[in-house]
Amino acid sequence: MKKFFGFFSIVLVISCFFSFTEKDNEIALTEVKVTAPFEMPSIYIPNFQNAKKFVITKFGAKKEDKVATSEAIAKAIDAANKNGGGIVVIPKGEWLTGKVHLKSNVNLHLEKDAILLFSDDPKDYLPAVRSTWEGYECYNYSPLIYAYNCKKVAITGEGELKAKMDVWKTWFTRPKPHMENLKRLYYSASYQKPVEERQMVNDTANLRPHFIQFNRCENVLLEGVKITNSPFWTIHPFLSKNVVIRNIQVYAHGHNNDGVDPEMSQNVLIENCFFDQGDDAIAIKSGCGIDAWNLNTPSKNIVIRNVTVKNGHQLLALGSELSGGIENVFLDNCQVLEGAKLFHLLFIKTNERRGGYVKNIYTSNITSGKIGQGVLGIETDVLYQWRDLVPTIDRKLTPIENIYLEDYNVKEVKFIARILGQKELPVKDVFLKNIKTEKVTEQKYITENVTNFSDKE
């Protein structure tokens, strides 16, 4: 046992597994117990060990035939669901497909050397589905893999999920028509227009779809697969509960290519993963503005451990979409490889439109090479492209408190901590202990509007 700045914490994280099912023909649930510096509930994930297999070739899948393979996957998923549960098997080889919509009690399983290659024709991701864009709910192109209101759902295997990018990469830019559509979405959300009226598929919006989105799901497992390329955020559990993401590899260097974005999701474990992407490795979100305030569902009880990052913006980011609140996060035993081009190891970002809150963030046992900015960054005026695009309609500041960093070894930084709070609402209770850096090129600590900041050797 170990003291964490005076607060009781067991830094060793332990998982236990226990499977059970209510009925013989149902998919079993496995209990995962995780110990953290806060009260962490057990996580329940599906166990498909004894489930029936549905191989897509038996439903008409043909290599290089997008239509046949798309239809076969949909039929196999439907059959597995109607069976009460099953494993939809993607065999060895490359299979071109359009969207994949999962259903409850279904495991999409990729065999070794299987590649599920997703088309980049936007028409393959219609009709529009209820999704999100940077914290706002809307109707947009379907995520490449989409699960809505599902229970006991999984993606597993040793194969690869890959996105073709020829079209999506032309949407990376933000021309004026795209920005006008973002304005339309902002005003629609801010004035509480029904989500069904926020239709964002047209000739100029170009809101790229997520690769994998679990939307309002429960008992989710994503394990083993390699994910290459992504139009937008790569893995997005949204309003979901009981989620385990482990032993995956992400290689995605497009625009906004975060690795994993848990948003308004609870009881989440991310472990033993490798990230090499164009944006944040892990970015915990919690919605924007009045939508999130009304949903009142914080991102909560999230444990991240044994993660390796090769490239990205931050190892762990919180925000800037955090209006629903973020609490009880534990990041432990992670490394950033030498040569990675990260800005921060922990970055908390918000602005005057967000509200919400951030509290009880624990990080420990982190190693890294050179970091472009610093170990810890907290900024309360991050608006990116939205700053001059739209006015502030509802002004709510974000309380940030109880932030803990312990046992870091970092080669080189500009600063150890830069905390830019707001005079009206200072950042509170930030504790650093045993943060070792070989070189600080500018200033160790930059603190504006912070109360109770401590750094101990």
Protein backbone atom coordinates (compact mmCIF):
# COMPACT_ATOMS: atom_id res chain seq x y z
CA MET A 1 0.00 0.00 0.00
CA LYS A 2 1.11 3.50 -0.73
CA LYS A 3 0.28 7.02 0.32
CA PHE A 4 -0.61 9.36 -2.55
CA PHE A 5 -0.02 12.87 -1.16
CA GLY A 6 -1.89 12.03 2.01
CA PHE A 7 -4.79 10.41 0.21
CA PHE A 8 -5.08 6.62 0.49
CA SER A 9 -4.31 4.86 -2.76
CA ILE A 10 -3.31 1.42 -3.94
CA VAL A 11 -1.19 2.12 -6.99
CA LEU A 12 -1.03 -1.54 -7.99
CA VAL A 13 -4.07 -2.19 -10.15
CA ILE A 14 -5.51 -5.68 -9.98
CA SER A 15 -8.06 -7.31 -12.29
CA CYS A 16 -10.14 -10.33 -11.35
CA PHE A 17 -12.43 -12.23 -13.68
CA PHE A 18 -15.65 -14.04 -12.94
CA SER A 19 -18.13 -15.12 -15.61
CA PHE A 20 -21.82 -15.67 -15.16
CA THR A 21 -25.00 -15.76 -17.20
CA GLU A 22 -28.63 -15.58 -16.18
CA LYS A 23 -29.81 -18.10 -18.79
CA ASP A 24 -28.03 -20.88 -20.63
CA ASN A 25 -28.68 -19.35 -24.07
CA GLU A 26 -27.44 -15.86 -23.14
CA ILE A 27 -23.98 -14.40 -23.60
CA ALA A 28 -22.16 -14.55 -20.27
CA LEU A 29 -20.82 -11.49 -18.51
CA THR A 30 -17.31 -11.41 -17.08
CA GLU A 31 -16.66 -9.28 -14.01
CA VAL A 32 -13.46 -7.24 -14.11
CA LYS A 33 -12.36 -5.80 -10.76
CA VAL A 34 -9.97 -2.88 -10.91
CA THR A 35 -8.46 -1.18 -7.88
CA ALA A 36 -7.77 2.56 -8.15
CA PRO A 37 -7.22 5.58 -5.83
CA PHE A 38 -11.01 6.03 -5.77
CA GLU A 39 -13.92 3.65 -5.37
CA MET A 40 -13.94 1.84 -8.70
CA PRO A 41 -16.99 -0.31 -9.52
CA SER A 42 -16.58 -3.69 -11.15
CA ILE A 43 -16.77 -3.64 -14.95
CA TYR A 44 -18.94 -6.22 -16.70
CA ILE A 45 -18.01 -7.25 -20.25
CA PRO A 46 -19.35 -9.96 -22.58
CA ASN A 47 -17.78 -13.40 -22.76
CA PHE A 48 -18.27 -15.08 -26.15
CA GLN A 49 -16.19 -18.17 -25.36
CA ASN A 50 -19.07 -20.59 -25.97
CA ALA A 51 -20.96 -18.59 -28.59
CA LYS A 52 -21.91 -19.89 -32.03
CA LYS A 53 -19.83 -18.68 -35.00
CA PHE A 54 -21.30 -17.01 -38.10
CA VAL A 55 -18.68 -16.87 -40.87
CA ILE A 56 -19.39 -14.10 -43.38
CA THR A 57 -18.52 -16.27 -46.41
CA LYS A 58 -21.54 -18.43 -45.61
CA PHE A 59 -23.68 -15.31 -46.01
CA GLY A 60 -22.27 -14.40 -49.43
CA ALA A 61 -19.17 -12.31 -48.67
CA LYS A 62 -16.75 -12.00 -51.59
CA LYS A 63 -13.32 -10.39 -51.57
CA GLU A 64 -13.18 -7.09 -53.48
CA ASP A 65 -16.99 -7.09 -53.76
CA LYS A 66 -18.01 -4.29 -51.44
CA VAL A 67 -21.74 -4.73 -51.88
CA ALA A 68 -21.72 -8.49 -51.35
CA THR A 69 -19.44 -8.27 -48.31
CA SER A 70 -21.38 -5.41 -46.73
CA GLU A 71 -24.64 -7.31 -47.12
CA ALA A 72 -23.08 -10.53 -45.83
CA ILE A 73 -21.74 -8.87 -42.68
CA ALA A 74 -25.15 -7.30 -42.00
CA LYS A 75 -26.90 -10.66 -42.47
CA ALA A 76 -24.40 -12.44 -40.22
CA ILE A 77 -24.82 -9.82 -37.49
CA ASP A 78 -28.60 -10.11 -37.73
CA ALA A 79 -28.45 -13.92 -37.56
CA ALA A 80 -26.13 -13.85 -34.53
CA ASN A 81 -28.40 -11.37 -32.78
CA LYS A 82 -31.53 -13.42 -33.50
CA ASN A 83 -29.75 -16.53 -32.26
CA GLY A 84 -29.43 -14.85 -28.87
CA GLY A 85 -25.77 -14.14 -29.43
CA GLY A 86 -22.87 -15.12 -31.63
CA ILE A 87 -19.50 -14.42 -33.19
CA VAL A 88 -19.41 -12.90 -36.67
CA VAL A 89 -16.14 -14.12 -38.17
CA ILE A 90 -14.07 -12.20 -40.72
CA PRO A 91 -11.74 -14.81 -42.26
CA LYS A 92 -8.17 -14.38 -43.44
CA GLY A 93 -7.77 -12.04 -46.41
CA GLU A 94 -8.81 -8.50 -47.33
CA TRP A 95 -12.52 -7.75 -47.38
CA LEU A 96 -13.81 -4.44 -48.80
CA THR A 97 -16.93 -3.19 -47.04
CA GLY A 98 -19.13 -0.23 -46.27
CA LYS A 99 -20.53 0.54 -42.83
CA VAL A 100 -20.91 -2.13 -40.16
CA HIS A 101 -23.77 -1.76 -37.69
CA LEU A 102 -23.42 -4.01 -34.66
CA LYS A 103 -26.28 -5.41 -32.59
CA SER A 104 -26.58 -6.67 -29.03
CA ASN A 105 -24.94 -9.98 -28.13
CA VAL A 106 -22.67 -9.87 -31.18
CA ASN A 107 -18.88 -10.13 -31.37
CA LEU A 108 -17.26 -8.97 -34.62
CA HIS A 109 -14.16 -11.18 -34.72
CA LEU A 110 -11.25 -10.79 -37.12
CA GLU A 111 -9.11 -13.86 -37.63
CA LYS A 112 -5.34 -13.55 -37.91
CA ASP A 113 -4.34 -11.91 -41.23
CA ALA A 114 -7.91 -10.73 -41.83
CA ILE A 115 -8.28 -7.13 -43.03
CA LEU A 116 -11.65 -5.43 -43.02
CA LEU A 117 -11.09 -2.53 -45.43
CA PHE A 118 -13.65 0.28 -45.21
CA SER A 119 -14.69 2.24 -48.26
CA ASP A 120 -14.20 6.00 -48.30
CA ASP A 121 -17.29 6.66 -50.42
CA PRO A 122 -19.47 8.85 -48.17
CA LYS A 123 -22.62 7.36 -49.72
CA ASP A 124 -21.71 4.03 -48.11
CA TYR A 125 -22.32 5.65 -44.69
CA LEU A 126 -25.87 6.80 -45.34
CA PRO A 127 -28.54 7.14 -44.18
CA ALA A 128 -27.34 9.48 -41.48
CA VAL A 129 -27.37 8.18 -37.90
CA ARG A 130 -27.47 9.81 -34.50
CA SER A 131 -23.85 10.60 -33.77
CA THR A 132 -21.74 13.52 -32.55
CA TRP A 133 -19.29 16.13 -33.73
CA GLU A 134 -16.84 17.53 -31.21
CA GLY A 135 -19.24 17.28 -28.29
CA TYR A 136 -22.52 18.12 -30.05
CA GLU A 137 -25.08 15.48 -30.92
CA CYS A 138 -26.31 15.52 -34.49
CA TYR A 139 -27.23 13.32 -37.43
CA ASN A 140 -24.16 12.64 -39.52
CA TYR A 141 -22.57 9.97 -41.66
CA SER A 142 -22.55 6.65 -39.88
CA PRO A 143 -19.33 5.74 -38.12
CA LEU A 144 -17.53 3.02 -40.04
CA ILE A 145 -18.41 0.64 -37.18
CA TYR A 146 -21.47 1.76 -35.23
CA ALA A 147 -23.29 0.30 -32.24
CA TYR A 148 -26.33 2.16 -30.96
CA ASN A 149 -28.09 1.25 -27.73
CA CYS A 150 -26.48 -2.20 -27.67
CA LYS A 151 -25.66 -4.51 -24.79
CA LYS A 152 -22.99 -7.22 -24.75
CA VAL A 153 -21.15 -6.15 -27.88
CA ALA A 154 -17.53 -6.76 -28.87
CA ILE A 155 -14.86 -6.36 -31.52
CA THR A 156 -12.02 -8.86 -31.09
CA GLY A 157 -9.33 -10.83 -32.89
CA GLU A 158 -5.86 -10.60 -34.38
CA GLY A 159 -6.87 -8.95 -37.64
CA GLU A 160 -6.91 -5.37 -38.88
CA LEU A 161 -9.58 -2.71 -39.30
CA LYS A 162 -8.44 -0.32 -42.00
CA ALA A 163 -9.97 2.80 -43.52
CA LYS A 164 -9.39 3.94 -47.07
CA MET A 165 -8.59 7.67 -46.91
CA ASP A 166 -8.52 9.07 -50.46
CA VAL A 167 -11.79 10.98 -49.98
CA TRP A 168 -11.75 11.60 -46.23
CA LYS A 169 -8.33 13.28 -46.35
CA THR A 170 -9.71 15.90 -48.76
CA TRP A 171 -12.13 16.84 -45.95
CA PHE A 172 -9.35 17.66 -43.47
CA THR A 173 -9.33 21.34 -44.41
CA ARG A 174 -11.82 23.79 -42.94
CA PRO A 175 -13.14 25.90 -45.86
CA LYS A 176 -15.78 28.56 -45.24
CA PRO A 177 -18.80 26.36 -46.09
CA HIS A 178 -17.63 23.78 -43.54
CA MET A 179 -17.28 26.47 -40.90
CA GLU A 180 -20.76 27.79 -41.69
CA ASN A 181 -22.14 24.33 -41.01
CA LEU A 182 -20.28 24.23 -37.69
CA LYS A 183 -21.97 27.52 -36.80
CA ARG A 184 -25.34 26.03 -37.68
CA LEU A 185 -24.67 23.06 -35.40
CA TYR A 186 -23.50 25.30 -32.55
CA TYR A 187 -26.61 27.48 -32.68
CA SER A 188 -28.93 24.47 -33.04
CA ALA A 189 -27.44 22.84 -29.96
CA SER A 190 -27.22 26.04 -27.93
CA TYR A 191 -30.90 26.83 -28.55
CA GLN A 192 -31.92 23.22 -27.85
CA LYS A 193 -33.28 22.25 -31.22
CA PRO A 194 -34.09 18.52 -31.26
CA VAL A 195 -31.18 16.35 -32.33
CA GLU A 196 -33.31 15.06 -35.22
CA GLU A 197 -33.29 18.57 -36.68
CA ARG A 198 -29.49 18.81 -36.60
CA GLN A 199 -28.97 17.16 -39.98
CA MET A 200 -25.30 17.60 -40.88
CA VAL A 201 -25.09 15.62 -44.12
CA ASN A 202 -25.04 17.93 -47.12
CA ASP A 203 -22.68 18.98 -49.90
CA THR A 204 -20.60 21.36 -47.77
CA ALA A 205 -20.61 20.24 -44.12
CA ASN A 206 -18.00 17.49 -44.64
CA LEU A 207 -18.18 16.29 -41.03
CA ARG A 208 -16.05 13.16 -41.15
CA PRO A 209 -17.39 10.05 -39.40
CA HIS A 210 -15.79 8.32 -36.44
CA PHE A 211 -14.13 4.99 -37.11
CA ILE A 212 -15.71 3.09 -34.18
CA GLN A 213 -18.51 4.52 -32.06
CA PHE A 214 -20.30 2.75 -29.23
CA ASN A 215 -23.27 5.08 -28.71
CA ARG A 216 -25.34 4.50 -25.56
CA CYS A 217 -24.00 0.97 -25.17
CA GLU A 218 -23.34 -1.25 -22.17
CA ASN A 219 -20.98 -4.19 -21.65
CA VAL A 220 -18.48 -3.42 -24.39
CA LEU A 221 -15.23 -5.19 -25.25
CA LEU A 222 -12.67 -4.07 -27.85
CA GLU A 223 -9.66 -6.37 -27.81
CA GLY A 224 -6.68 -7.42 -29.87
CA VAL A 225 -7.26 -5.75 -33.21
CA LYS A 226 -5.06 -3.36 -35.14
CA ILE A 227 -6.71 -0.15 -36.40
CA THR A 228 -5.12 1.66 -39.33
CA ASN A 229 -6.24 5.12 -40.51
CA SER A 230 -9.37 6.93 -39.39
CA PRO A 231 -11.52 9.68 -40.87
CA PHE A 232 -11.97 11.32 -37.44
CA TRP A 233 -11.77 10.13 -33.80
CA THR A 234 -10.73 6.49 -33.86
CA ILE A 235 -12.55 4.84 -30.92
CA HIS A 236 -15.45 6.71 -29.34
CA PRO A 237 -17.45 5.23 -26.44
CA PHE A 238 -20.27 7.77 -26.06
CA LEU A 239 -22.74 7.64 -23.17
CA SER A 240 -21.63 4.06 -22.62
CA LYS A 241 -21.03 2.02 -19.50
CA ASN A 242 -18.84 -0.98 -18.64
CA VAL A 243 -16.23 -0.70 -21.37
CA VAL A 244 -12.90 -2.54 -21.69
CA ILE A 245 -10.41 -1.62 -24.44
CA ARG A 246 -7.24 -3.69 -24.34
CA ASN A 247 -4.36 -5.02 -26.41
CA ILE A 248 -5.15 -2.87 -29.42
CA GLN A 249 -2.84 -0.97 -31.78
CA VAL A 250 -3.82 2.32 -33.38
CA TYR A 251 -1.97 3.79 -36.37
CA ALA A 252 -3.88 6.87 -37.55
CA HIS A 253 -2.24 10.09 -38.67
CA GLY A 254 -5.12 12.01 -40.17
CA HIS A 255 -6.64 15.22 -38.80
CA ASN A 256 -8.32 14.92 -35.34
CA ASN A 257 -7.20 11.30 -35.10
CA ASP A 258 -7.44 10.79 -31.34
CA GLY A 259 -6.86 7.20 -30.28
CA VAL A 260 -9.64 6.70 -27.73
CA ASP A 261 -12.25 9.28 -26.69
CA PRO A 262 -14.43 8.10 -23.80
CA GLU A 263 -17.24 10.69 -23.65
CA MET A 264 -19.85 10.81 -20.90
CA SER A 265 -18.92 7.17 -20.34
CA GLN A 266 -18.43 5.37 -17.04
CA ASN A 267 -16.59 2.34 -15.69
CA VAL A 268 -13.96 2.18 -18.40
CA LEU A 269 -10.65 0.26 -18.51
CA ILE A 270 -8.05 0.97 -21.21
CA GLU A 271 -4.96 -1.21 -20.93
CA ASN A 272 -1.99 -2.68 -22.78
CA CYS A 273 -2.53 -0.55 -25.90
CA PHE A 274 -0.20 1.07 -28.44
CA PHE A 275 -0.96 4.46 -30.00
CA ASP A 276 0.70 6.10 -32.99
CA GLN A 277 -1.72 8.76 -34.17
CA GLY A 278 -2.10 12.35 -35.27
CA ASP A 279 -3.79 13.78 -32.17
CA ASP A 280 -4.25 12.86 -28.50
CA ALA A 281 -3.60 9.23 -27.60
CA ILE A 282 -6.44 9.25 -25.07
CA ALA A 283 -8.80 12.21 -24.77
CA ILE A 284 -11.54 12.05 -22.15
CA LYS A 285 -14.52 14.13 -23.24
CA SER A 286 -17.90 15.00 -21.75
CA GLY A 287 -19.97 16.92 -24.27
CA CYS A 288 -20.53 20.61 -24.96
CA GLY A 289 -22.90 23.14 -23.49
CA ILE A 290 -26.54 22.68 -22.67
CA ASP A 291 -26.83 19.22 -24.22
CA ALA A 292 -24.29 17.89 -21.74
CA TRP A 293 -25.67 19.92 -18.85
CA ASN A 294 -29.09 18.37 -19.44
CA LEU A 295 -27.73 14.84 -19.83
CA ASN A 296 -25.83 15.29 -16.55
CA THR A 297 -23.68 12.20 -17.17
CA PRO A 298 -20.03 12.78 -16.31
CA SER A 299 -17.17 10.73 -17.65
CA LYS A 300 -16.33 8.84 -14.50
CA ASN A 301 -14.35 5.90 -13.16
CA ILE A 302 -11.81 5.55 -15.96
CA VAL A 303 -8.58 3.59 -15.51
CA ILE A 304 -5.79 3.71 -18.12
CA ARG A 305 -2.70 1.56 -17.64
CA ASN A 306 0.23 0.02 -19.46
CA VAL A 307 -0.17 2.23 -22.53
CA THR A 308 2.64 3.00 -24.97
CA VAL A 309 2.57 6.10 -27.18
CA LYS A 310 4.78 6.58 -30.23
CA ASN A 311 3.26 9.83 -31.54
CA GLY A 312 0.40 12.21 -30.82
CA HIS A 313 -0.44 15.49 -29.14
CA GLN A 314 -0.89 14.40 -25.52
CA LEU A 315 -0.61 11.12 -23.63
CA LEU A 316 -3.81 12.01 -21.78
CA ALA A 317 -6.05 14.99 -22.51
CA LEU A 318 -9.16 16.04 -20.63
CA GLY A 319 -11.48 18.26 -22.66
CA SER A 320 -11.99 20.63 -24.11
CA GLU A 321 -15.45 19.10 -24.50
CA LEU A 322 -16.17 18.51 -20.79
CA SER A 323 -19.48 20.20 -20.00
CA GLY A 324 -20.85 17.04 -18.40
CA GLY A 325 -17.90 16.80 -16.00
CA ILE A 326 -14.92 14.47 -15.64
CA GLU A 327 -14.00 12.73 -12.38
CA ASN A 328 -12.17 9.72 -11.02
CA VAL A 329 -9.49 9.10 -13.64
CA PHE A 330 -6.38 6.98 -12.97
CA LEU A 331 -3.46 6.87 -15.43
CA ASP A 332 -0.69 4.49 -14.39
CA ASN A 333 2.44 2.80 -15.73
CA CYS A 334 2.57 4.33 -19.21
CA GLN A 335 5.44 5.26 -21.49
CA VAL A 336 6.06 7.67 -24.34
CA LEU A 337 8.74 6.43 -26.69
CA GLU A 338 11.91 8.36 -27.47
CA GLY A 339 11.35 10.61 -30.48
CA ALA A 340 7.62 11.00 -29.99
CA LYS A 341 6.35 14.51 -30.71
CA LEU A 342 3.93 15.14 -27.87
CA PHE A 343 2.99 18.51 -26.38
CA HIS A 344 2.08 17.35 -22.84
CA LEU A 345 1.79 14.20 -20.82
CA LEU A 346 -1.34 15.44 -19.03
CA PHE A 347 -3.30 18.33 -20.55
CA ILE A 348 -6.55 19.68 -19.13
CA LYS A 349 -8.28 22.18 -21.40
CA THR A 350 -11.54 24.08 -21.17
CA ASN A 351 -13.08 27.50 -21.87
CA GLU A 352 -15.79 29.87 -20.71
CA ARG A 353 -18.51 28.02 -22.64
CA ARG A 354 -18.00 24.60 -21.11
CA GLY A 355 -19.01 24.60 -17.46
CA GLY A 356 -18.80 21.06 -16.16
CA TYR A 357 -15.95 20.22 -13.81
CA VAL A 358 -12.71 18.26 -13.51
CA LYS A 359 -11.76 16.55 -10.25
CA ASN A 360 -9.94 13.57 -8.80
CA ILE A 361 -7.37 12.97 -11.54
CA TYR A 362 -4.53 10.63 -10.49
CA THR A 363 -1.47 9.86 -12.63
CA SER A 364 1.64 7.88 -11.70
CA ASN A 365 4.61 5.92 -13.02
CA ILE A 366 5.07 7.70 -16.36
CA THR A 367 8.27 7.65 -18.44
CA SER A 368 8.99 9.74 -21.50
CA GLY A 369 11.65 11.16 -23.76
CA LYS A 370 11.58 14.80 -24.81
CA ILE A 371 8.19 16.53 -24.66
CA GLY A 372 7.45 19.59 -26.79
CA GLN A 373 5.83 21.60 -23.99
CA GLY A 374 5.64 20.10 -20.51
CA VAL A 375 4.58 17.41 -18.10
CA LEU A 376 1.36 19.11 -17.00
CA GLY A 377 -0.66 21.74 -18.80
CA ILE A 378 -3.93 23.25 -17.58
CA GLU A 379 -5.52 25.95 -19.73
CA THR A 380 -8.93 27.55 -19.29
CA ASP A 381 -9.18 29.58 -22.49
CA VAL A 382 -8.85 26.96 -25.24
CA LEU A 383 -11.32 27.68 -28.07
CA TYR A 384 -9.44 26.69 -31.22
CA GLN A 385 -11.44 27.50 -34.39
CA TRP A 386 -14.55 28.36 -32.37
CA ARG A 387 -13.06 31.53 -30.83
CA ASP A 388 -13.98 33.91 -33.63
CA LEU A 389 -16.55 31.70 -35.30
CA VAL A 390 -19.44 32.09 -32.85
CA PRO A 391 -20.17 34.18 -29.74
CA THR A 392 -20.48 32.85 -26.21
CA ILE A 393 -24.18 32.23 -25.59
CA ASP A 394 -24.04 30.66 -22.13
CA ARG A 395 -21.00 31.48 -20.03
CA LYS A 396 -20.06 28.88 -17.44
CA LEU A 397 -16.57 28.39 -16.04
CA THR A 398 -15.08 25.01 -15.17
CA PRO A 399 -13.94 24.20 -11.62
CA ILE A 400 -10.73 22.14 -11.72
CA GLU A 401 -9.39 20.53 -8.54
CA ASN A 402 -7.63 17.55 -7.01
CA ILE A 403 -4.99 16.82 -9.66
CA TYR A 404 -2.20 14.41 -8.68
CA LEU A 405 1.01 13.52 -10.51
CA GLU A 406 3.58 11.17 -8.99
CA ASP A 407 6.72 9.33 -10.13
CA TYR A 408 7.48 10.74 -13.58
CA ASN A 409 10.79 10.37 -15.43
CA VAL A 410 11.07 12.69 -18.42
CA LYS A 411 14.09 13.57 -20.56
CA GLU A 412 13.43 17.19 -21.57
CA VAL A 413 10.60 19.75 -21.25
CA LYS A 414 10.08 23.48 -21.57
CA PHE A 415 8.28 23.47 -18.22
CA ILE A 416 7.17 20.94 -15.64
CA ALA A 417 3.77 22.54 -15.03
CA ARG A 418 1.97 25.43 -16.69
CA ILE A 419 -1.38 26.19 -15.09
CA LEU A 420 -3.37 29.10 -16.50
CA GLY A 421 -6.46 29.41 -14.32
CA GLN A 422 -9.09 32.13 -14.33
CA LYS A 423 -9.20 34.87 -11.74
CA GLU A 424 -12.91 34.28 -11.11
CA LEU A 425 -12.38 30.57 -10.54
CA PRO A 426 -8.80 29.54 -9.75
CA VAL A 427 -7.57 26.00 -10.25
CA LYS A 428 -7.35 24.26 -6.85
CA ASP A 429 -5.26 21.56 -5.25
CA VAL A 430 -2.61 20.44 -7.71
CA PHE A 431 0.01 18.12 -6.23
CA LEU A 432 3.22 16.91 -7.89
CA LYS A 433 5.58 14.43 -6.26
CA ASN A 434 8.84 12.95 -7.51
CA ILE A 435 8.67 14.50 -10.97
CA LYS A 436 12.15 13.98 -12.41
CA THR A 437 13.30 15.80 -15.55
CA GLU A 438 16.80 15.77 -17.00
CA LYS A 439 16.39 19.19 -18.58
CA VAL A 440 13.97 22.12 -18.29
CA THR A 441 14.66 24.61 -21.08
CA GLU A 442 12.48 27.52 -19.96
CA GLN A 443 10.72 27.75 -16.59
CA LYS A 444 9.90 24.99 -14.13
CA TYR A 445 6.52 26.29 -13.00
CA ILE A 446 4.11 28.79 -14.54
CA THR A 447 1.10 29.27 -12.30
CA GLU A 448 -1.62 31.86 -12.82
CA ASN A 449 -4.71 31.85 -10.63
CA VAL A 450 -3.93 28.63 -8.76
CA THR A 451 -4.54 27.88 -5.09
CA ASN A 452 -2.72 25.14 -3.21
CA PHE A 453 -0.08 24.03 -5.66
CA SER A 454 2.64 21.74 -4.31
CA ASP A 455 5.72 20.03 -5.79
CA LYS A 456 7.67 17.60 -3.63
CA GLU A 457 10.84 15.74 -4.50
